[in-house]
Full PDB file with SEQRES, HELIX, SHEET, SSBOND, CRYST1, ORIGX, SCALE, CONECT and MASTER records, all heavy atoms in Angstrom:
SEQRES   1 A   42  ASP ASP THR MET THR ASP THR TYR PRO LEU ASP ILE GLU          
SEQRES   2 A   42  PRO TRP GLU GLN ASN ILE SER THR ARG VAL ASN PHE ALA          
SEQRES   3 A   42  SER LYS TRP GLU ASN MET LEU PRO ALA SER THR PRO ILE          
SEQRES   4 A   42  PRO THR PRO                                                  
HELIX    1 AA1 PHE A   25  SER A   27  5                                   3    
HELIX    2 AA2 GLU A   30  MET A   32  5                                   3    
CRYST1    1.000    1.000    1.000  90.00  90.00  90.00 P 1           1          
ORIGX1      1.000000  0.000000  0.000000        0.00000                         
ORIGX2      0.000000  1.000000  0.000000        0.00000                         
ORIGX3      0.000000  0.000000  1.000000        0.00000                         
SCALE1      1.000000  0.000000  0.000000        0.00000                         
SCALE2      0.000000  1.000000  0.000000        0.00000                         
SCALE3      0.000000  0.000000  1.000000        0.00000                         
ATOM      1  N   ASP A   1     -12.964 -14.373 -49.664  1.00  0.00           N  
ATOM      2  CA  ASP A   1     -12.827 -15.358 -48.662  1.00  0.00           C  
ATOM      3  C   ASP A   1     -11.843 -14.960 -47.504  1.00  0.00           C  
ATOM      4  O   ASP A   1     -11.479 -15.687 -46.687  1.00  0.00           O  
ATOM      5  CB  ASP A   1     -12.328 -16.736 -49.190  1.00  0.00           C  
ATOM      6  CG  ASP A   1     -13.321 -17.297 -50.226  1.00  0.00           C  
ATOM      7  OD1 ASP A   1     -14.543 -17.057 -50.017  1.00  0.00           O  
ATOM      8  OD2 ASP A   1     -12.841 -17.906 -51.197  1.00  0.00           O  
ATOM      9  N   ASP A   2     -11.444 -13.661 -47.563  1.00  0.00           N  
ATOM     10  CA  ASP A   2     -10.482 -13.175 -46.645  1.00  0.00           C  
ATOM     11  C   ASP A   2     -11.091 -12.286 -45.549  1.00  0.00           C  
ATOM     12  O   ASP A   2     -11.832 -11.418 -45.829  1.00  0.00           O  
ATOM     13  CB  ASP A   2      -9.440 -12.305 -47.451  1.00  0.00           C  
ATOM     14  CG  ASP A   2      -8.080 -12.139 -46.566  1.00  0.00           C  
ATOM     15  OD1 ASP A   2      -8.154 -12.469 -45.416  1.00  0.00           O  
ATOM     16  OD2 ASP A   2      -7.095 -11.709 -47.283  1.00  0.00           O  
ATOM     17  N   THR A   3     -10.753 -12.655 -44.334  1.00  0.00           N  
ATOM     18  CA  THR A   3     -11.123 -11.879 -43.179  1.00  0.00           C  
ATOM     19  C   THR A   3      -9.898 -11.450 -42.422  1.00  0.00           C  
ATOM     20  O   THR A   3      -9.956 -11.372 -41.177  1.00  0.00           O  
ATOM     21  CB  THR A   3     -12.160 -12.562 -42.320  1.00  0.00           C  
ATOM     22  OG1 THR A   3     -11.591 -13.760 -41.872  1.00  0.00           O  
ATOM     23  CG2 THR A   3     -13.451 -12.816 -43.026  1.00  0.00           C  
ATOM     24  N   MET A   4      -8.826 -11.137 -43.122  1.00  0.00           N  
ATOM     25  CA  MET A   4      -7.470 -10.886 -42.500  1.00  0.00           C  
ATOM     26  C   MET A   4      -7.610  -9.634 -41.622  1.00  0.00           C  
ATOM     27  O   MET A   4      -8.325  -8.621 -41.897  1.00  0.00           O  
ATOM     28  CB  MET A   4      -6.473 -10.684 -43.548  1.00  0.00           C  
ATOM     29  CG  MET A   4      -6.694  -9.535 -44.501  1.00  0.00           C  
ATOM     30  SD  MET A   4      -5.379  -9.389 -45.802  1.00  0.00           S  
ATOM     31  CE  MET A   4      -3.911  -8.981 -44.781  1.00  0.00           C  
ATOM     32  N   THR A   5      -6.932  -9.659 -40.548  1.00  0.00           N  
ATOM     33  CA  THR A   5      -6.853  -8.566 -39.634  1.00  0.00           C  
ATOM     34  C   THR A   5      -5.424  -8.157 -39.301  1.00  0.00           C  
ATOM     35  O   THR A   5      -5.183  -7.276 -38.427  1.00  0.00           O  
ATOM     36  CB  THR A   5      -7.590  -8.869 -38.300  1.00  0.00           C  
ATOM     37  OG1 THR A   5      -6.991 -10.015 -37.717  1.00  0.00           O  
ATOM     38  CG2 THR A   5      -9.089  -9.141 -38.548  1.00  0.00           C  
ATOM     39  N   ASP A   6      -4.456  -8.754 -39.996  1.00  0.00           N  
ATOM     40  CA  ASP A   6      -3.019  -8.338 -39.677  1.00  0.00           C  
ATOM     41  C   ASP A   6      -2.790  -6.948 -40.105  1.00  0.00           C  
ATOM     42  O   ASP A   6      -2.032  -6.256 -39.384  1.00  0.00           O  
ATOM     43  CB  ASP A   6      -2.107  -9.305 -40.460  1.00  0.00           C  
ATOM     44  CG  ASP A   6      -2.093 -10.764 -39.955  1.00  0.00           C  
ATOM     45  OD1 ASP A   6      -2.592 -10.892 -38.840  1.00  0.00           O  
ATOM     46  OD2 ASP A   6      -1.626 -11.669 -40.628  1.00  0.00           O  
ATOM     47  N   THR A   7      -3.298  -6.507 -41.209  1.00  0.00           N  
ATOM     48  CA  THR A   7      -3.032  -5.143 -41.635  1.00  0.00           C  
ATOM     49  C   THR A   7      -3.888  -4.148 -40.918  1.00  0.00           C  
ATOM     50  O   THR A   7      -3.407  -3.088 -40.588  1.00  0.00           O  
ATOM     51  CB  THR A   7      -3.272  -5.043 -43.207  1.00  0.00           C  
ATOM     52  OG1 THR A   7      -2.493  -6.038 -43.901  1.00  0.00           O  
ATOM     53  CG2 THR A   7      -2.902  -3.681 -43.723  1.00  0.00           C  
ATOM     54  N   TYR A   8      -5.215  -4.463 -40.764  1.00  0.00           N  
ATOM     55  CA  TYR A   8      -6.116  -3.560 -40.165  1.00  0.00           C  
ATOM     56  C   TYR A   8      -6.934  -4.222 -39.075  1.00  0.00           C  
ATOM     57  O   TYR A   8      -7.945  -4.938 -39.340  1.00  0.00           O  
ATOM     58  CB  TYR A   8      -7.112  -2.989 -41.218  1.00  0.00           C  
ATOM     59  CG  TYR A   8      -6.425  -2.181 -42.267  1.00  0.00           C  
ATOM     60  CD1 TYR A   8      -6.305  -2.721 -43.584  1.00  0.00           C  
ATOM     61  CD2 TYR A   8      -5.863  -0.928 -42.042  1.00  0.00           C  
ATOM     62  CE1 TYR A   8      -5.668  -1.992 -44.589  1.00  0.00           C  
ATOM     63  CE2 TYR A   8      -5.247  -0.210 -42.977  1.00  0.00           C  
ATOM     64  CZ  TYR A   8      -5.196  -0.746 -44.266  1.00  0.00           C  
ATOM     65  OH  TYR A   8      -4.519   0.004 -45.256  1.00  0.00           O  
ATOM     66  N   PRO A   9      -6.495  -4.248 -37.822  1.00  0.00           N  
ATOM     67  CA  PRO A   9      -7.252  -4.839 -36.757  1.00  0.00           C  
ATOM     68  C   PRO A   9      -8.658  -4.272 -36.662  1.00  0.00           C  
ATOM     69  O   PRO A   9      -8.770  -3.046 -36.754  1.00  0.00           O  
ATOM     70  CB  PRO A   9      -6.408  -4.515 -35.536  1.00  0.00           C  
ATOM     71  CG  PRO A   9      -4.985  -4.258 -36.026  1.00  0.00           C  
ATOM     72  CD  PRO A   9      -5.238  -3.627 -37.371  1.00  0.00           C  
ATOM     73  N   LEU A  10      -9.654  -5.084 -36.499  1.00  0.00           N  
ATOM     74  CA  LEU A  10     -10.995  -4.586 -36.626  1.00  0.00           C  
ATOM     75  C   LEU A  10     -11.404  -3.812 -35.347  1.00  0.00           C  
ATOM     76  O   LEU A  10     -12.476  -3.138 -35.419  1.00  0.00           O  
ATOM     77  CB  LEU A  10     -11.960  -5.849 -36.731  1.00  0.00           C  
ATOM     78  CG  LEU A  10     -11.721  -6.669 -38.006  1.00  0.00           C  
ATOM     79  CD1 LEU A  10     -12.731  -7.718 -38.149  1.00  0.00           C  
ATOM     80  CD2 LEU A  10     -11.724  -5.796 -39.220  1.00  0.00           C  
ATOM     81  N   ASP A  11     -10.654  -3.741 -34.303  1.00  0.00           N  
ATOM     82  CA  ASP A  11     -11.057  -2.960 -33.128  1.00  0.00           C  
ATOM     83  C   ASP A  11     -10.249  -1.697 -33.057  1.00  0.00           C  
ATOM     84  O   ASP A  11     -10.284  -0.920 -32.063  1.00  0.00           O  
ATOM     85  CB  ASP A  11     -10.802  -3.708 -31.817  1.00  0.00           C  
ATOM     86  CG  ASP A  11      -9.386  -4.195 -31.638  1.00  0.00           C  
ATOM     87  OD1 ASP A  11      -8.590  -4.261 -32.644  1.00  0.00           O  
ATOM     88  OD2 ASP A  11      -9.002  -4.562 -30.492  1.00  0.00           O  
ATOM     89  N   ILE A  12      -9.527  -1.319 -34.176  1.00  0.00           N  
ATOM     90  CA  ILE A  12      -8.741  -0.053 -34.274  1.00  0.00           C  
ATOM     91  C   ILE A  12      -9.265   0.663 -35.535  1.00  0.00           C  
ATOM     92  O   ILE A  12      -9.431   0.022 -36.587  1.00  0.00           O  
ATOM     93  CB  ILE A  12      -7.246  -0.386 -34.381  1.00  0.00           C  
ATOM     94  CG1 ILE A  12      -6.741  -1.201 -33.197  1.00  0.00           C  
ATOM     95  CG2 ILE A  12      -6.484   0.921 -34.557  1.00  0.00           C  
ATOM     96  CD1 ILE A  12      -6.673  -0.392 -31.881  1.00  0.00           C  
ATOM     97  N   GLU A  13      -9.485   1.974 -35.451  1.00  0.00           N  
ATOM     98  CA  GLU A  13      -9.762   2.780 -36.603  1.00  0.00           C  
ATOM     99  C   GLU A  13      -8.526   3.077 -37.427  1.00  0.00           C  
ATOM    100  O   GLU A  13      -7.562   3.622 -36.866  1.00  0.00           O  
ATOM    101  CB  GLU A  13     -10.464   4.080 -36.166  1.00  0.00           C  
ATOM    102  CG  GLU A  13     -10.975   4.922 -37.328  1.00  0.00           C  
ATOM    103  CD  GLU A  13     -12.115   4.218 -38.141  1.00  0.00           C  
ATOM    104  OE1 GLU A  13     -12.988   3.640 -37.419  1.00  0.00           O  
ATOM    105  OE2 GLU A  13     -12.133   4.304 -39.361  1.00  0.00           O  
ATOM    106  N   PRO A  14      -8.466   2.663 -38.703  1.00  0.00           N  
ATOM    107  CA  PRO A  14      -7.341   2.985 -39.541  1.00  0.00           C  
ATOM    108  C   PRO A  14      -7.118   4.434 -39.674  1.00  0.00           C  
ATOM    109  O   PRO A  14      -8.037   5.213 -39.682  1.00  0.00           O  
ATOM    110  CB  PRO A  14      -7.667   2.295 -40.845  1.00  0.00           C  
ATOM    111  CG  PRO A  14      -8.828   1.315 -40.602  1.00  0.00           C  
ATOM    112  CD  PRO A  14      -9.546   1.940 -39.447  1.00  0.00           C  
ATOM    113  N   TRP A  15      -5.847   4.831 -39.851  1.00  0.00           N  
ATOM    114  CA  TRP A  15      -5.581   6.273 -40.017  1.00  0.00           C  
ATOM    115  C   TRP A  15      -5.834   6.681 -41.447  1.00  0.00           C  
ATOM    116  O   TRP A  15      -6.077   7.872 -41.728  1.00  0.00           O  
ATOM    117  CB  TRP A  15      -4.138   6.563 -39.647  1.00  0.00           C  
ATOM    118  CG  TRP A  15      -3.061   5.804 -40.441  1.00  0.00           C  
ATOM    119  CD1 TRP A  15      -2.398   4.616 -40.059  1.00  0.00           C  
ATOM    120  CD2 TRP A  15      -2.501   6.175 -41.683  1.00  0.00           C  
ATOM    121  NE1 TRP A  15      -1.511   4.241 -41.009  1.00  0.00           N  
ATOM    122  CE2 TRP A  15      -1.524   5.130 -42.067  1.00  0.00           C  
ATOM    123  CE3 TRP A  15      -2.703   7.168 -42.643  1.00  0.00           C  
ATOM    124  CZ2 TRP A  15      -0.843   5.144 -43.234  1.00  0.00           C  
ATOM    125  CZ3 TRP A  15      -1.992   7.258 -43.846  1.00  0.00           C  
ATOM    126  CH2 TRP A  15      -1.059   6.188 -44.116  1.00  0.00           C  
ATOM    127  N   GLU A  16      -5.793   5.775 -42.369  1.00  0.00           N  
ATOM    128  CA  GLU A  16      -6.184   6.082 -43.761  1.00  0.00           C  
ATOM    129  C   GLU A  16      -7.623   6.625 -43.842  1.00  0.00           C  
ATOM    130  O   GLU A  16      -8.506   6.078 -43.190  1.00  0.00           O  
ATOM    131  CB  GLU A  16      -6.061   4.845 -44.682  1.00  0.00           C  
ATOM    132  CG  GLU A  16      -4.645   4.396 -44.827  1.00  0.00           C  
ATOM    133  CD  GLU A  16      -4.242   3.345 -43.868  1.00  0.00           C  
ATOM    134  OE1 GLU A  16      -4.875   3.295 -42.763  1.00  0.00           O  
ATOM    135  OE2 GLU A  16      -3.399   2.499 -44.182  1.00  0.00           O  
ATOM    136  N   GLN A  17      -7.797   7.672 -44.609  1.00  0.00           N  
ATOM    137  CA  GLN A  17      -9.086   8.371 -44.622  1.00  0.00           C  
ATOM    138  C   GLN A  17     -10.171   7.727 -45.397  1.00  0.00           C  
ATOM    139  O   GLN A  17     -11.369   8.195 -45.367  1.00  0.00           O  
ATOM    140  CB  GLN A  17      -8.807   9.842 -45.163  1.00  0.00           C  
ATOM    141  CG  GLN A  17      -7.888  10.637 -44.249  1.00  0.00           C  
ATOM    142  CD  GLN A  17      -8.435  10.713 -42.826  1.00  0.00           C  
ATOM    143  OE1 GLN A  17      -9.460  11.356 -42.561  1.00  0.00           O  
ATOM    144  NE2 GLN A  17      -7.715  10.073 -41.881  1.00  0.00           N  
ATOM    145  N   ASN A  18      -9.919   6.768 -46.208  1.00  0.00           N  
ATOM    146  CA  ASN A  18     -10.957   6.167 -47.143  1.00  0.00           C  
ATOM    147  C   ASN A  18     -11.422   4.793 -46.745  1.00  0.00           C  
ATOM    148  O   ASN A  18     -12.141   4.141 -47.539  1.00  0.00           O  
ATOM    149  CB  ASN A  18     -10.426   6.183 -48.557  1.00  0.00           C  
ATOM    150  CG  ASN A  18      -9.179   5.366 -48.739  1.00  0.00           C  
ATOM    151  OD1 ASN A  18      -8.312   5.286 -47.888  1.00  0.00           O  
ATOM    152  ND2 ASN A  18      -9.101   4.628 -49.825  1.00  0.00           N  
ATOM    153  N   ILE A  19     -11.005   4.300 -45.594  1.00  0.00           N  
ATOM    154  CA  ILE A  19     -11.524   3.032 -45.058  1.00  0.00           C  
ATOM    155  C   ILE A  19     -11.886   3.209 -43.608  1.00  0.00           C  
ATOM    156  O   ILE A  19     -11.277   4.087 -42.943  1.00  0.00           O  
ATOM    157  CB  ILE A  19     -10.561   1.791 -45.263  1.00  0.00           C  
ATOM    158  CG1 ILE A  19      -9.299   2.072 -44.510  1.00  0.00           C  
ATOM    159  CG2 ILE A  19     -10.331   1.524 -46.744  1.00  0.00           C  
ATOM    160  CD1 ILE A  19      -8.418   0.824 -44.487  1.00  0.00           C  
ATOM    161  N   SER A  20     -12.745   2.325 -43.079  1.00  0.00           N  
ATOM    162  CA  SER A  20     -13.120   2.461 -41.712  1.00  0.00           C  
ATOM    163  C   SER A  20     -13.553   1.150 -41.133  1.00  0.00           C  
ATOM    164  O   SER A  20     -14.175   0.309 -41.833  1.00  0.00           O  
ATOM    165  CB  SER A  20     -14.276   3.482 -41.494  1.00  0.00           C  
ATOM    166  OG  SER A  20     -14.705   3.578 -40.197  1.00  0.00           O  
ATOM    167  N   THR A  21     -13.182   0.917 -39.887  1.00  0.00           N  
ATOM    168  CA  THR A  21     -13.741  -0.241 -39.134  1.00  0.00           C  
ATOM    169  C   THR A  21     -14.921   0.185 -38.348  1.00  0.00           C  
ATOM    170  O   THR A  21     -15.589  -0.634 -37.621  1.00  0.00           O  
ATOM    171  CB  THR A  21     -12.657  -0.784 -38.137  1.00  0.00           C  
ATOM    172  OG1 THR A  21     -12.262   0.287 -37.304  1.00  0.00           O  
ATOM    173  CG2 THR A  21     -11.487  -1.368 -38.899  1.00  0.00           C  
ATOM    174  N   ARG A  22     -15.345   1.408 -38.440  1.00  0.00           N  
ATOM    175  CA  ARG A  22     -16.460   2.099 -37.711  1.00  0.00           C  
ATOM    176  C   ARG A  22     -16.233   2.162 -36.204  1.00  0.00           C  
ATOM    177  O   ARG A  22     -17.171   2.410 -35.460  1.00  0.00           O  
ATOM    178  CB  ARG A  22     -17.748   1.315 -38.055  1.00  0.00           C  
ATOM    179  CG  ARG A  22     -18.170   1.472 -39.492  1.00  0.00           C  
ATOM    180  CD  ARG A  22     -19.437   0.626 -39.845  1.00  0.00           C  
ATOM    181  NE  ARG A  22     -20.512   0.880 -38.979  1.00  0.00           N  
ATOM    182  CZ  ARG A  22     -21.541  -0.033 -38.795  1.00  0.00           C  
ATOM    183  NH1 ARG A  22     -21.525  -1.182 -39.414  1.00  0.00           N  
ATOM    184  NH2 ARG A  22     -22.503   0.347 -37.997  1.00  0.00           N  
ATOM    185  N   VAL A  23     -15.000   1.966 -35.782  1.00  0.00           N  
ATOM    186  CA  VAL A  23     -14.653   2.142 -34.378  1.00  0.00           C  
ATOM    187  C   VAL A  23     -14.787   3.677 -34.023  1.00  0.00           C  
ATOM    188  O   VAL A  23     -15.194   4.025 -32.991  1.00  0.00           O  
ATOM    189  CB  VAL A  23     -13.274   1.637 -34.083  1.00  0.00           C  
ATOM    190  CG1 VAL A  23     -12.793   2.055 -32.621  1.00  0.00           C  
ATOM    191  CG2 VAL A  23     -13.272   0.089 -34.176  1.00  0.00           C  
ATOM    192  N   ASN A  24     -14.282   4.525 -34.994  1.00  0.00           N  
ATOM    193  CA  ASN A  24     -14.468   5.960 -34.821  1.00  0.00           C  
ATOM    194  C   ASN A  24     -14.871   6.528 -36.205  1.00  0.00           C  
ATOM    195  O   ASN A  24     -14.091   7.350 -36.793  1.00  0.00           O  
ATOM    196  CB  ASN A  24     -13.090   6.545 -34.326  1.00  0.00           C  
ATOM    197  CG  ASN A  24     -13.245   8.053 -34.139  1.00  0.00           C  
ATOM    198  OD1 ASN A  24     -14.270   8.672 -34.016  1.00  0.00           O  
ATOM    199  ND2 ASN A  24     -12.053   8.710 -33.996  1.00  0.00           N  
ATOM    200  N   PHE A  25     -16.054   6.150 -36.604  1.00  0.00           N  
ATOM    201  CA  PHE A  25     -16.446   6.560 -37.921  1.00  0.00           C  
ATOM    202  C   PHE A  25     -16.756   8.105 -38.052  1.00  0.00           C  
ATOM    203  O   PHE A  25     -16.562   8.648 -39.162  1.00  0.00           O  
ATOM    204  CB  PHE A  25     -17.779   5.816 -38.282  1.00  0.00           C  
ATOM    205  CG  PHE A  25     -18.214   6.034 -39.721  1.00  0.00           C  
ATOM    206  CD1 PHE A  25     -17.347   5.876 -40.728  1.00  0.00           C  
ATOM    207  CD2 PHE A  25     -19.544   6.437 -39.894  1.00  0.00           C  
ATOM    208  CE1 PHE A  25     -17.846   6.051 -42.094  1.00  0.00           C  
ATOM    209  CE2 PHE A  25     -20.020   6.601 -41.231  1.00  0.00           C  
ATOM    210  CZ  PHE A  25     -19.120   6.518 -42.341  1.00  0.00           C  
ATOM    211  N   ALA A  26     -16.980   8.708 -36.932  1.00  0.00           N  
ATOM    212  CA  ALA A  26     -17.107  10.208 -36.971  1.00  0.00           C  
ATOM    213  C   ALA A  26     -15.876  10.933 -37.478  1.00  0.00           C  
ATOM    214  O   ALA A  26     -15.963  12.021 -38.013  1.00  0.00           O  
ATOM    215  CB  ALA A  26     -17.461  10.670 -35.575  1.00  0.00           C  
ATOM    216  N   SER A  27     -14.674  10.297 -37.390  1.00  0.00           N  
ATOM    217  CA  SER A  27     -13.454  10.872 -37.864  1.00  0.00           C  
ATOM    218  C   SER A  27     -13.247  10.685 -39.392  1.00  0.00           C  
ATOM    219  O   SER A  27     -12.294  11.193 -39.847  1.00  0.00           O  
ATOM    220  CB  SER A  27     -12.262  10.285 -37.071  1.00  0.00           C  
ATOM    221  OG  SER A  27     -12.028   8.871 -37.439  1.00  0.00           O  
ATOM    222  N   LYS A  28     -14.125   9.943 -39.954  1.00  0.00           N  
ATOM    223  CA  LYS A  28     -13.987   9.634 -41.404  1.00  0.00           C  
ATOM    224  C   LYS A  28     -15.017  10.376 -42.238  1.00  0.00           C  
ATOM    225  O   LYS A  28     -15.059  11.606 -42.168  1.00  0.00           O  
ATOM    226  CB  LYS A  28     -14.078   8.123 -41.594  1.00  0.00           C  
ATOM    227  CG  LYS A  28     -12.973   7.340 -40.919  1.00  0.00           C  
ATOM    228  CD  LYS A  28     -11.591   7.800 -41.431  1.00  0.00           C  
ATOM    229  CE  LYS A  28     -10.406   7.156 -40.731  1.00  0.00           C  
ATOM    230  NZ  LYS A  28     -10.348   5.703 -40.938  1.00  0.00           N  
ATOM    231  N   TRP A  29     -15.833   9.707 -42.965  1.00  0.00           N  
ATOM    232  CA  TRP A  29     -16.746  10.399 -43.917  1.00  0.00           C  
ATOM    233  C   TRP A  29     -18.239  10.487 -43.428  1.00  0.00           C  
ATOM    234  O   TRP A  29     -19.080  10.674 -44.223  1.00  0.00           O  
ATOM    235  CB  TRP A  29     -16.630   9.820 -45.333  1.00  0.00           C  
ATOM    236  CG  TRP A  29     -17.053   8.347 -45.359  1.00  0.00           C  
ATOM    237  CD1 TRP A  29     -18.267   7.927 -45.744  1.00  0.00           C  
ATOM    238  CD2 TRP A  29     -16.233   7.194 -45.209  1.00  0.00           C  
ATOM    239  NE1 TRP A  29     -18.311   6.541 -45.728  1.00  0.00           N  
ATOM    240  CE2 TRP A  29     -16.995   6.118 -45.412  1.00  0.00           C  
ATOM    241  CE3 TRP A  29     -14.869   7.034 -44.866  1.00  0.00           C  
ATOM    242  CZ2 TRP A  29     -16.565   4.751 -45.324  1.00  0.00           C  
ATOM    243  CZ3 TRP A  29     -14.394   5.726 -44.770  1.00  0.00           C  
ATOM    244  CH2 TRP A  29     -15.226   4.621 -45.037  1.00  0.00           C  
ATOM    245  N   GLU A  30     -18.441  10.293 -42.143  1.00  0.00           N  
ATOM    246  CA  GLU A  30     -19.788  10.283 -41.624  1.00  0.00           C  
ATOM    247  C   GLU A  30     -20.555  11.602 -41.968  1.00  0.00           C  
ATOM    248  O   GLU A  30     -21.708  11.603 -42.264  1.00  0.00           O  
ATOM    249  CB  GLU A  30     -19.781  10.112 -40.119  1.00  0.00           C  
ATOM    250  CG  GLU A  30     -21.126  10.021 -39.464  1.00  0.00           C  
ATOM    251  CD  GLU A  30     -21.054   9.802 -37.925  1.00  0.00           C  
ATOM    252  OE1 GLU A  30     -20.481  10.690 -37.249  1.00  0.00           O  
ATOM    253  OE2 GLU A  30     -21.507   8.801 -37.419  1.00  0.00           O  
ATOM    254  N   ASN A  31     -19.790  12.707 -41.961  1.00  0.00           N  
ATOM    255  CA  ASN A  31     -20.437  14.006 -42.290  1.00  0.00           C  
ATOM    256  C   ASN A  31     -20.736  14.142 -43.715  1.00  0.00           C  
ATOM    257  O   ASN A  31     -21.323  15.203 -44.183  1.00  0.00           O  
ATOM    258  CB  ASN A  31     -19.593  15.172 -41.779  1.00  0.00           C  
ATOM    259  CG  ASN A  31     -18.197  15.278 -42.423  1.00  0.00           C  
ATOM    260  OD1 ASN A  31     -17.805  14.319 -43.173  1.00  0.00           O  
ATOM    261  ND2 ASN A  31     -17.491  16.237 -42.070  1.00  0.00           N  
ATOM    262  N   MET A  32     -20.360  13.254 -44.571  1.00  0.00           N  
ATOM    263  CA  MET A  32     -20.732  13.258 -46.023  1.00  0.00           C  
ATOM    264  C   MET A  32     -21.893  12.403 -46.359  1.00  0.00           C  
ATOM    265  O   MET A  32     -22.322  12.386 -47.545  1.00  0.00           O  
ATOM    266  CB  MET A  32     -19.487  12.820 -46.843  1.00  0.00           C  
ATOM    267  CG  MET A  32     -18.285  13.773 -46.784  1.00  0.00           C  
ATOM    268  SD  MET A  32     -16.885  13.233 -47.725  1.00  0.00           S  
ATOM    269  CE  MET A  32     -17.461  13.482 -49.395  1.00  0.00           C  
ATOM    270  N   LEU A  33     -22.424  11.720 -45.426  1.00  0.00           N  
ATOM    271  CA  LEU A  33     -23.538  10.773 -45.699  1.00  0.00           C  
ATOM    272  C   LEU A  33     -24.857  11.549 -45.612  1.00  0.00           C  
ATOM    273  O   LEU A  33     -25.093  12.280 -44.648  1.00  0.00           O  
ATOM    274  CB  LEU A  33     -23.539   9.641 -44.626  1.00  0.00           C  
ATOM    275  CG  LEU A  33     -22.372   8.654 -44.608  1.00  0.00           C  
ATOM    276  CD1 LEU A  33     -22.543   7.626 -43.484  1.00  0.00           C  
ATOM    277  CD2 LEU A  33     -22.300   7.936 -45.948  1.00  0.00           C  
ATOM    278  N   PRO A  34     -25.757  11.314 -46.576  1.00  0.00           N  
ATOM    279  CA  PRO A  34     -27.163  11.770 -46.388  1.00  0.00           C  
ATOM    280  C   PRO A  34     -27.794  11.107 -45.139  1.00  0.00           C  
ATOM    281  O   PRO A  34     -27.440   9.964 -44.774  1.00  0.00           O  
ATOM    282  CB  PRO A  34     -27.851  11.221 -47.638  1.00  0.00           C  
ATOM    283  CG  PRO A  34     -26.742  11.081 -48.685  1.00  0.00           C  
ATOM    284  CD  PRO A  34     -25.568  10.650 -47.855  1.00  0.00           C  
ATOM    285  N   ALA A  35     -28.686  11.801 -44.478  1.00  0.00           N  
ATOM    286  CA  ALA A  35     -29.198  11.318 -43.198  1.00  0.00           C  
ATOM    287  C   ALA A  35     -29.877   9.955 -43.296  1.00  0.00           C  
ATOM    288  O   ALA A  35     -29.866   9.215 -42.281  1.00  0.00           O  
ATOM    289  CB  ALA A  35     -30.220  12.346 -42.690  1.00  0.00           C  
ATOM    290  N   SER A  36     -30.390   9.555 -44.429  1.00  0.00           N  
ATOM    291  CA  SER A  36     -31.137   8.382 -44.605  1.00  0.00           C  
ATOM    292  C   SER A  36     -30.320   7.175 -44.986  1.00  0.00           C  
ATOM    293  O   SER A  36     -30.795   6.083 -45.205  1.00  0.00           O  
ATOM    294  CB  SER A  36     -32.240   8.526 -45.561  1.00  0.00           C  
ATOM    295  OG  SER A  36     -31.718   8.877 -46.840  1.00  0.00           O  
ATOM    296  N   THR A  37     -28.957   7.369 -45.090  1.00  0.00           N  
ATOM    297  CA  THR A  37     -28.058   6.368 -45.589  1.00  0.00           C  
ATOM    298  C   THR A  37     -28.088   5.066 -44.671  1.00  0.00           C  
ATOM    299  O   THR A  37     -27.722   5.163 -43.494  1.00  0.00           O  
ATOM    300  CB  THR A  37     -26.649   6.813 -45.762  1.00  0.00           C  
ATOM    301  OG1 THR A  37     -26.645   8.012 -46.536  1.00  0.00           O  
ATOM    302  CG2 THR A  37     -25.757   5.749 -46.374  1.00  0.00           C  
ATOM    303  N   PRO A  38     -28.398   3.920 -45.246  1.00  0.00           N  
ATOM    304  CA  PRO A  38     -28.380   2.673 -44.430  1.00  0.00           C  
ATOM    305  C   PRO A  38     -26.939   2.319 -44.157  1.00  0.00           C  
ATOM    306  O   PRO A  38     -26.096   2.354 -45.031  1.00  0.00           O  
ATOM    307  CB  PRO A  38     -29.079   1.653 -45.166  1.00  0.00           C  
ATOM    308  CG  PRO A  38     -29.026   2.187 -46.676  1.00  0.00           C  
ATOM    309  CD  PRO A  38     -28.996   3.626 -46.505  1.00  0.00           C  
ATOM    310  N   ILE A  39     -26.571   1.835 -42.971  1.00  0.00           N  
ATOM    311  CA  ILE A  39     -25.225   1.427 -42.585  1.00  0.00           C  
ATOM    312  C   ILE A  39     -25.312  -0.015 -42.033  1.00  0.00           C  
ATOM    313  O   ILE A  39     -25.989  -0.165 -40.982  1.00  0.00           O  
ATOM    314  CB  ILE A  39     -24.584   2.380 -41.572  1.00  0.00           C  
ATOM    315  CG1 ILE A  39     -24.545   3.799 -42.162  1.00  0.00           C  
ATOM    316  CG2 ILE A  39     -23.199   1.849 -41.121  1.00  0.00           C  
ATOM    317  CD1 ILE A  39     -24.055   4.863 -41.138  1.00  0.00           C  
ATOM    318  N   PRO A  40     -24.617  -0.967 -42.589  1.00  0.00           N  
ATOM    319  CA  PRO A  40     -23.880  -0.870 -43.903  1.00  0.00           C  
ATOM    320  C   PRO A  40     -24.835  -0.603 -45.069  1.00  0.00           C  
ATOM    321  O   PRO A  40     -26.006  -0.908 -44.975  1.00  0.00           O  
ATOM    322  CB  PRO A  40     -23.269  -2.317 -43.997  1.00  0.00           C  
ATOM    323  CG  PRO A  40     -23.343  -2.915 -42.694  1.00  0.00           C  
ATOM    324  CD  PRO A  40     -24.549  -2.284 -41.976  1.00  0.00           C  
ATOM    325  N   THR A  41     -24.283  -0.047 -46.118  1.00  0.00           N  
ATOM    326  CA  THR A  41     -25.048   0.244 -47.307  1.00  0.00           C  
ATOM    327  C   THR A  41     -25.151  -0.933 -48.251  1.00  0.00           C  
ATOM    328  O   THR A  41     -24.114  -1.439 -48.646  1.00  0.00           O  
ATOM    329  CB  THR A  41     -24.424   1.469 -48.013  1.00  0.00           C  
ATOM    330  OG1 THR A  41     -24.170   2.553 -47.089  1.00  0.00           O  
ATOM    331  CG2 THR A  41     -25.362   1.955 -49.139  1.00  0.00           C  
ATOM    332  N   PRO A  42     -26.345  -1.386 -48.588  1.00  0.00           N  
ATOM    333  CA  PRO A  42     -26.418  -2.520 -49.517  1.00  0.00           C  
ATOM    334  C   PRO A  42     -25.882  -2.199 -50.881  1.00  0.00           C  
ATOM    335  O   PRO A  42     -26.144  -1.089 -51.404  1.00  0.00           O  
ATOM    336  CB  PRO A  42     -27.906  -2.830 -49.563  1.00  0.00           C  
ATOM    337  CG  PRO A  42     -28.566  -2.046 -48.400  1.00  0.00           C  
ATOM    338  CD  PRO A  42     -27.645  -0.868 -48.142  1.00  0.00           C  
TER     339      PRO A  42                                                      
MASTER        0    0    0    2    0    0    0    6  338    1    0    4          
END                                                                             
């Protein structure tokens, strides 16, 4: 039930390497995804 943005504003890419707001997903694990991966992944 939480959509908090105090810790991680949704319009800023977090510096932590294991989460993403997808603002700059290329800087995260995009290069580890198989080409067919649906985003978001069900």
